[in-house]
Every structure is written in C-alpha cells, then in structure tokens.
Amino acid sequence: MTDALLKTRDTWKTLGIFIVLLTVFTSISHYALISLNPASIYIGVLMISPALAALLTLKIKGSSISSLPWRFHNWKYMRLGYLTPVLYVAISYALIWILGFGDVFNTETLMEWSNELGLESINSTIVLITMAILLATVGVLKNLGSVFGEELGWRGFFIFELRKVMSFKSVAIVSGLIWSVFHWPIIIYYVGGNPVFHIAAFTVMIVAMSVIMTYYTFKSNSIWPAVIFHSVHNIFIQKIFTPLTIETEETVFWIDEYGLMIPIVSSVIAIYYWRKAKQENL
C-alpha cells in the first residue's frame, strides 16, 4: 500500500472519529434541551461540542492542539469576517422592509432598549443608534466566546481534515451540510411553523456561509475570521435587525435565519467566493 493511500485512509479514520464523537456530544446536548429544559447551559454544551470532538480526536490520534490554525493575523480577512455578514444581513432586512415583508421600527424593542440603557427620557433615534453601536462592538466581542467552540471544531479542525481528501467545493458543501444538520433538532422543536421549510431555508444559508467562511479560513490559515464572522452574523440578526422588525402576515417566510431572504442574499456572495476559489485554484 502506497504512502498516499495510507495517508488518505488515516484521514478518513480521523474524520470518522470526529463525526462519531460529535454525534455523541450533540446527542446528549439535544436530549437535555428537548427532554429536560432549554436552559442556556445546555445550549452552551451544544455549541462547544464541535470543539470537544476536535480536541478529543486530536488526543486519540496523538496530534498536538498546536497543529490547529490558532494564529491571530491577516487583518484583511479579519475585516472581511466582520463586514461580510453585516453586508448580507443589512441588505436582506432592507429588502424585507422595502418589499413589505416586515415593517420598522418595532417600538416595543426600542422601549426595551431604552429601559436597558437607562435612557427612558432620551429620543428613540439616539437609543437606536446607541444600542446598535454597543451590540456591534461589545455585543460581538462578548459573543465570540459563545461561537468559538463551534468554529474551533468546524473551521479550525474539520475543514482542514476534509481538505486532505476533497476539493474546496466539496469541503465547503460537505462541512456546511453537516454543520446545518447539527442545528436541525433545535429548528424542529423550537422554531415552530413549517419545519421542512425552515430547515430548507436554514440549510441553504448555512451552506452559503460555509463557502465564504471556508474561503476566509483557507486564505488566512486562521480560525479567527470565521469566529468573528459567526459572532457578527448572530448579533446582527438575533439582537439588532430581527428585534427591530415589525411582523406582518408574510414576515415568517422571509425573516431571520429560517426565512428566505438571508439565504438568497448570502448565496449571491457565496457564488462570488465559489468562483474566486476556482480562479485561484484554492
């Protein structure tokens, strides 16, 4: 047996160990979320499951954690990791508002923000600007710890192992699909509405994100652009734009991570990076 074939078999074995461990850890977390109580501590365990699976896989294989792409460098992709999700989320919600799939601004959210900031007597525009700035900075930084566990496993370990046996396109799609499946039980049990529709929309969005984040990770050889990207994505959707949107009859089909607009807009950006990766023979 040639050395190349031995390395390929070893890579598939490593991937198999990771998937089995990930399945065990996530199954325990999903059981706790569904059968016990949807407490934040269980969500936290779910989010660090990819990191736990990756680190344990390295331990089993006798590899060092220093082999992971830890370096905090290449500011170009750090900036893109922040700006890209801001771009597609802002465009998505602008289209939702313009096309009448949702209205702005939700006064209940603005009142809650006023109370939270202690600015009850201040103009709502100032409250809006102040909270948006705080969420876009402090909120994103605070959320980095929450998403780090996921990104250490997915972009820090998994895609680099996949790259040993797959092309860039296959890595982006396969990792995106598996990353999406990781979230499906939560969508089924907690999102409501039509689970098939929401899972389909969410999966398209996640695969699009995977293409972009895989490109940034490979180009920078660092997990940090993806960590920043993931944090910004969550904050701008969950904490800023969705709370500010007033729902109409059609809103549920277009808004948030489980509607159609963000998957459509993010897919356009993903196609750009898909072609760019091909041109660069990434």
Protein backbone atom coordinates (compact mmCIF):
# COMPACT_ATOMS: atom_id res chain seq x y z
CA MET A 1 0.00 0.00 0.00
CA THR A 2 1.41 3.40 -1.01
CA ASP A 3 2.10 6.20 1.45
CA ALA A 4 -0.55 8.36 -0.24
CA LEU A 5 -3.21 5.69 0.21
CA LEU A 6 -2.20 5.17 3.83
CA LYS A 7 -2.50 8.92 4.49
CA THR A 8 -5.91 9.01 2.82
CA ARG A 9 -7.16 6.10 4.91
CA ASP A 10 -5.81 7.72 8.06
CA THR A 11 -7.59 10.97 7.21
CA TRP A 12 -10.91 9.18 6.71
CA LYS A 13 -10.37 7.41 10.02
CA THR A 14 -9.74 10.76 11.71
CA LEU A 15 -12.89 12.21 10.15
CA GLY A 16 -14.86 9.18 11.28
CA ILE A 17 -13.66 9.55 14.87
CA PHE A 18 -14.60 13.24 14.84
CA ILE A 19 -18.11 12.58 13.48
CA VAL A 20 -18.78 9.81 16.00
CA LEU A 21 -17.62 11.93 18.92
CA LEU A 22 -19.56 14.93 17.64
CA THR A 23 -22.70 12.81 17.32
CA VAL A 24 -22.34 11.58 20.90
CA PHE A 25 -21.76 15.04 22.37
CA THR A 26 -24.51 16.74 20.37
CA SER A 27 -26.99 13.94 21.06
CA ILE A 28 -26.51 14.41 24.79
CA SER A 29 -26.97 18.17 24.43
CA HIS A 30 -30.07 17.86 22.25
CA TYR A 31 -31.59 15.36 24.68
CA ALA A 32 -31.06 17.81 27.53
CA LEU A 33 -32.53 20.70 25.52
CA ILE A 34 -35.56 18.75 24.35
CA SER A 35 -36.34 16.46 27.28
CA LEU A 36 -35.11 18.40 30.29
CA ASN A 37 -35.11 22.17 29.89
CA PRO A 38 -33.93 24.54 27.13
CA ALA A 39 -31.51 26.18 29.55
CA SER A 40 -28.63 28.28 28.28
CA ILE A 41 -26.13 25.92 29.90
CA TYR A 42 -27.31 23.10 27.62
CA ILE A 43 -27.08 25.39 24.61
CA GLY A 44 -23.54 26.19 25.70
CA VAL A 45 -22.69 22.49 25.84
CA LEU A 46 -24.13 22.05 22.35
CA MET A 47 -22.05 24.91 20.98
CA ILE A 48 -18.78 23.60 22.39
CA SER A 49 -19.47 20.05 21.18
CA PRO A 50 -17.51 20.52 17.90
CA ALA A 51 -14.50 21.77 19.87
CA LEU A 52 -14.70 18.89 22.33
CA ALA A 53 -14.94 16.40 19.46
CA ALA A 54 -11.99 18.01 17.66
CA LEU A 55 -9.74 18.14 20.73
CA LEU A 56 -10.54 14.57 21.74
CA THR A 57 -9.92 13.40 18.17
CA LEU A 58 -6.51 15.05 18.26
CA LYS A 59 -5.80 13.34 21.57
CA ILE A 60 -6.80 9.92 20.21
CA LYS A 61 -4.68 10.43 17.09
CA GLY A 62 -1.71 11.64 19.12
CA SER A 63 -1.70 15.07 17.48
CA SER A 64 -0.98 18.36 19.23
CA ILE A 65 -3.54 21.13 19.57
CA SER A 66 -0.80 23.45 18.33
CA SER A 67 -1.47 21.96 14.89
CA LEU A 68 -4.73 23.94 14.75
CA PRO A 69 -4.71 27.34 12.99
CA TRP A 70 -4.65 29.48 16.12
CA ARG A 71 -2.68 32.49 14.83
CA PHE A 72 -4.39 35.86 15.13
CA HIS A 73 -3.11 37.52 11.97
CA ASN A 74 -4.03 38.61 8.42
CA TRP A 75 -6.20 41.63 9.15
CA LYS A 76 -7.68 41.63 5.65
CA TYR A 77 -9.72 38.53 6.39
CA MET A 78 -10.45 39.67 9.93
CA ARG A 79 -12.10 42.76 8.44
CA LEU A 80 -13.94 40.70 5.84
CA GLY A 81 -15.05 38.34 8.58
CA TYR A 82 -16.78 41.28 10.23
CA LEU A 83 -18.02 43.23 7.22
CA THR A 84 -19.41 40.41 5.08
CA PRO A 85 -22.19 39.26 7.44
CA VAL A 86 -23.04 42.91 8.16
CA LEU A 87 -23.43 43.40 4.40
CA TYR A 88 -25.73 40.47 3.65
CA VAL A 89 -27.81 40.90 6.81
CA ALA A 90 -28.31 44.65 6.18
CA ILE A 91 -29.22 44.08 2.52
CA SER A 92 -31.60 41.26 3.46
CA TYR A 93 -33.52 43.30 6.01
CA ALA A 94 -33.55 46.39 3.81
CA LEU A 95 -35.24 44.29 1.11
CA ILE A 96 -37.65 42.82 3.66
CA TRP A 97 -38.68 46.31 4.76
CA ILE A 98 -38.82 47.80 1.26
CA LEU A 99 -40.86 44.90 -0.15
CA GLY A 100 -43.29 45.00 2.77
CA PHE A 101 -42.40 41.61 4.27
CA GLY A 102 -41.86 43.42 7.58
CA ASP A 103 -42.05 46.96 8.93
CA VAL A 104 -39.77 49.17 11.06
CA PHE A 105 -39.18 50.18 13.76
CA ASN A 106 -40.59 47.98 16.48
CA THR A 107 -41.47 50.40 19.27
CA GLU A 108 -41.56 47.63 21.89
CA THR A 109 -37.94 46.81 21.14
CA LEU A 110 -36.96 50.47 21.31
CA MET A 111 -38.71 50.79 24.69
CA GLU A 112 -36.91 47.70 25.99
CA TRP A 113 -33.60 49.14 24.79
CA SER A 114 -34.40 52.48 26.47
CA ASN A 115 -35.03 50.73 29.78
CA GLU A 116 -31.96 48.53 29.43
CA LEU A 117 -29.73 51.52 28.74
CA GLY A 118 -31.38 53.71 31.37
CA LEU A 119 -32.25 56.27 28.70
CA GLU A 120 -36.04 56.35 29.12
CA SER A 121 -36.29 60.09 28.57
CA ILE A 122 -33.99 60.18 25.54
CA ASN A 123 -35.13 60.37 21.89
CA SER A 124 -35.71 56.91 20.38
CA THR A 125 -33.32 57.62 17.50
CA ILE A 126 -30.46 58.15 19.95
CA VAL A 127 -31.45 54.97 21.78
CA LEU A 128 -31.44 53.07 18.48
CA ILE A 129 -28.02 54.36 17.46
CA THR A 130 -26.51 53.81 20.92
CA MET A 131 -27.73 50.22 21.27
CA ALA A 132 -26.78 49.34 17.69
CA ILE A 133 -23.22 50.59 18.26
CA LEU A 134 -22.93 48.74 21.58
CA LEU A 135 -24.23 45.48 20.11
CA ALA A 136 -22.00 45.81 17.04
CA THR A 137 -18.92 46.20 19.25
CA VAL A 138 -19.33 44.96 22.83
CA GLY A 139 -22.05 42.51 21.82
CA VAL A 140 -19.91 40.97 19.09
CA LEU A 141 -16.88 40.70 21.37
CA LYS A 142 -18.94 39.14 24.15
CA ASN A 143 -20.43 36.63 21.73
CA LEU A 144 -17.02 35.48 20.46
CA GLY A 145 -16.73 33.09 23.38
CA SER A 146 -20.09 31.50 22.55
CA VAL A 147 -19.26 30.76 18.91
CA PHE A 148 -15.60 29.84 19.46
CA GLY A 149 -16.45 26.26 20.42
CA GLU A 150 -18.29 25.72 17.15
CA GLU A 151 -15.63 27.34 15.00
CA LEU A 152 -12.72 25.53 16.64
CA GLY A 153 -14.36 22.27 15.60
CA TRP A 154 -15.76 23.20 12.18
CA ARG A 155 -13.27 25.65 10.69
CA GLY A 156 -10.32 25.00 12.99
CA PHE A 157 -10.25 21.23 12.57
CA PHE A 158 -12.92 19.67 10.35
CA ILE A 159 -12.42 21.56 7.08
CA PHE A 160 -8.64 21.13 7.23
CA GLU A 161 -9.08 17.37 7.55
CA LEU A 162 -11.64 17.32 4.75
CA ARG A 163 -9.27 19.31 2.55
CA LYS A 164 -6.81 16.41 2.64
CA VAL A 165 -9.28 14.25 0.68
CA MET A 166 -11.63 16.75 -1.01
CA SER A 167 -11.63 19.81 -3.26
CA PHE A 168 -12.52 23.26 -1.94
CA LYS A 169 -16.07 22.97 -3.33
CA SER A 170 -16.65 19.60 -1.69
CA VAL A 171 -15.20 20.80 1.61
CA ALA A 172 -17.49 23.85 1.66
CA ILE A 173 -20.62 21.86 0.80
CA VAL A 174 -19.99 18.81 2.99
CA SER A 175 -18.94 20.82 6.04
CA GLY A 176 -21.88 23.18 5.52
CA LEU A 177 -24.41 20.36 5.30
CA ILE A 178 -23.08 18.63 8.40
CA TRP A 179 -22.95 21.96 10.24
CA SER A 180 -26.58 22.51 9.28
CA VAL A 181 -27.71 19.07 10.47
CA PHE A 182 -26.10 19.92 13.80
CA HIS A 183 -28.89 22.56 14.24
CA TRP A 184 -31.90 20.68 12.86
CA PRO A 185 -33.30 19.32 16.17
CA ILE A 186 -33.46 22.86 17.56
CA ILE A 187 -35.35 24.06 14.47
CA ILE A 188 -37.81 21.16 14.68
CA TYR A 189 -38.58 21.60 18.37
CA TYR A 190 -38.28 25.34 18.96
CA VAL A 191 -38.70 27.43 15.79
CA GLY A 192 -42.30 26.45 15.07
CA GLY A 193 -44.15 26.84 11.79
CA ASN A 194 -43.31 24.52 8.91
CA PRO A 195 -40.14 22.65 9.95
CA VAL A 196 -39.39 21.41 6.41
CA PHE A 197 -39.49 24.96 5.04
CA HIS A 198 -37.38 26.39 7.87
CA ILE A 199 -34.82 23.57 7.67
CA ALA A 200 -34.50 24.03 3.90
CA ALA A 201 -34.01 27.80 4.18
CA PHE A 202 -31.60 27.44 7.07
CA THR A 203 -29.56 24.79 5.25
CA VAL A 204 -29.17 26.96 2.16
CA MET A 205 -27.98 29.84 4.34
CA ILE A 206 -25.54 27.65 6.27
CA VAL A 207 -24.02 26.18 3.10
CA ALA A 208 -23.63 29.70 1.68
CA MET A 209 -21.94 30.80 4.89
CA SER A 210 -19.74 27.72 4.75
CA VAL A 211 -18.46 28.63 1.30
CA ILE A 212 -17.50 32.13 2.44
CA MET A 213 -16.04 31.10 5.79
CA THR A 214 -14.10 28.19 4.29
CA TYR A 215 -12.57 30.59 1.77
CA TYR A 216 -11.58 33.07 4.50
CA THR A 217 -10.16 30.30 6.70
CA PHE A 218 -8.01 28.73 4.00
CA LYS A 219 -6.78 32.08 2.71
CA SER A 220 -5.83 33.32 6.18
CA ASN A 221 -4.87 29.92 7.65
CA SER A 222 -6.58 31.07 10.82
CA ILE A 223 -9.87 30.30 12.59
CA TRP A 224 -10.35 33.90 13.71
CA PRO A 225 -12.02 35.35 10.59
CA ALA A 226 -14.64 32.59 10.90
CA VAL A 227 -15.09 33.18 14.65
CA ILE A 228 -15.64 36.90 14.01
CA PHE A 229 -17.94 36.14 11.06
CA HIS A 230 -20.10 33.78 13.13
CA SER A 231 -20.38 36.20 16.03
CA VAL A 232 -21.31 39.16 13.82
CA HIS A 233 -23.88 37.05 11.94
CA ASN A 234 -25.60 36.06 15.18
CA ILE A 235 -25.61 39.51 16.76
CA PHE A 236 -26.82 41.46 13.74
CA ILE A 237 -29.66 39.04 13.04
CA GLN A 238 -30.73 37.98 16.52
CA LYS A 239 -30.04 41.14 18.50
CA ILE A 240 -30.43 44.03 16.05
CA PHE A 241 -32.40 43.53 12.83
CA THR A 242 -34.95 40.89 13.82
CA PRO A 243 -35.97 42.65 17.06
CA LEU A 244 -36.37 45.94 15.14
CA THR A 245 -38.68 44.39 12.55
CA ILE A 246 -42.45 44.53 12.97
CA GLU A 247 -44.00 41.30 11.74
CA THR A 248 -46.68 41.15 9.04
CA GLU A 249 -48.51 38.12 7.64
CA GLU A 250 -45.60 37.29 5.32
CA THR A 251 -42.73 38.05 7.68
CA VAL A 252 -42.23 34.48 8.92
CA PHE A 253 -41.40 33.31 5.37
CA TRP A 254 -38.67 35.92 4.85
CA ILE A 255 -37.15 37.00 8.14
CA ASP A 256 -34.39 35.67 10.34
CA GLU A 257 -32.19 32.61 9.75
CA TYR A 258 -35.19 30.42 8.93
CA GLY A 259 -36.78 32.57 6.22
CA LEU A 260 -35.85 33.06 2.57
CA MET A 261 -34.18 36.47 2.31
CA ILE A 262 -30.88 35.88 4.09
CA PRO A 263 -30.29 32.56 2.27
CA ILE A 264 -30.87 34.30 -1.07
CA VAL A 265 -28.59 37.27 -0.41
CA SER A 266 -25.84 35.24 1.29
CA SER A 267 -25.90 32.76 -1.61
CA VAL A 268 -25.11 35.57 -4.06
CA ILE A 269 -21.99 36.40 -2.04
CA ALA A 270 -21.15 32.70 -1.74
CA ILE A 271 -21.26 32.31 -5.54
CA TYR A 272 -18.72 35.13 -5.83
CA TYR A 273 -16.30 33.33 -3.48
CA TRP A 274 -17.06 29.97 -5.10
CA ARG A 275 -15.87 31.39 -8.44
CA LYS A 276 -12.99 33.21 -6.81
CA ALA A 277 -11.76 29.98 -5.22
CA LYS A 278 -11.91 28.27 -8.61
CA GLN A 279 -9.94 31.08 -10.28
CA GLU A 280 -7.29 30.88 -7.57
CA ASN A 281 -7.15 27.05 -7.63
CA LEU A 282 -7.78 27.09 -3.90
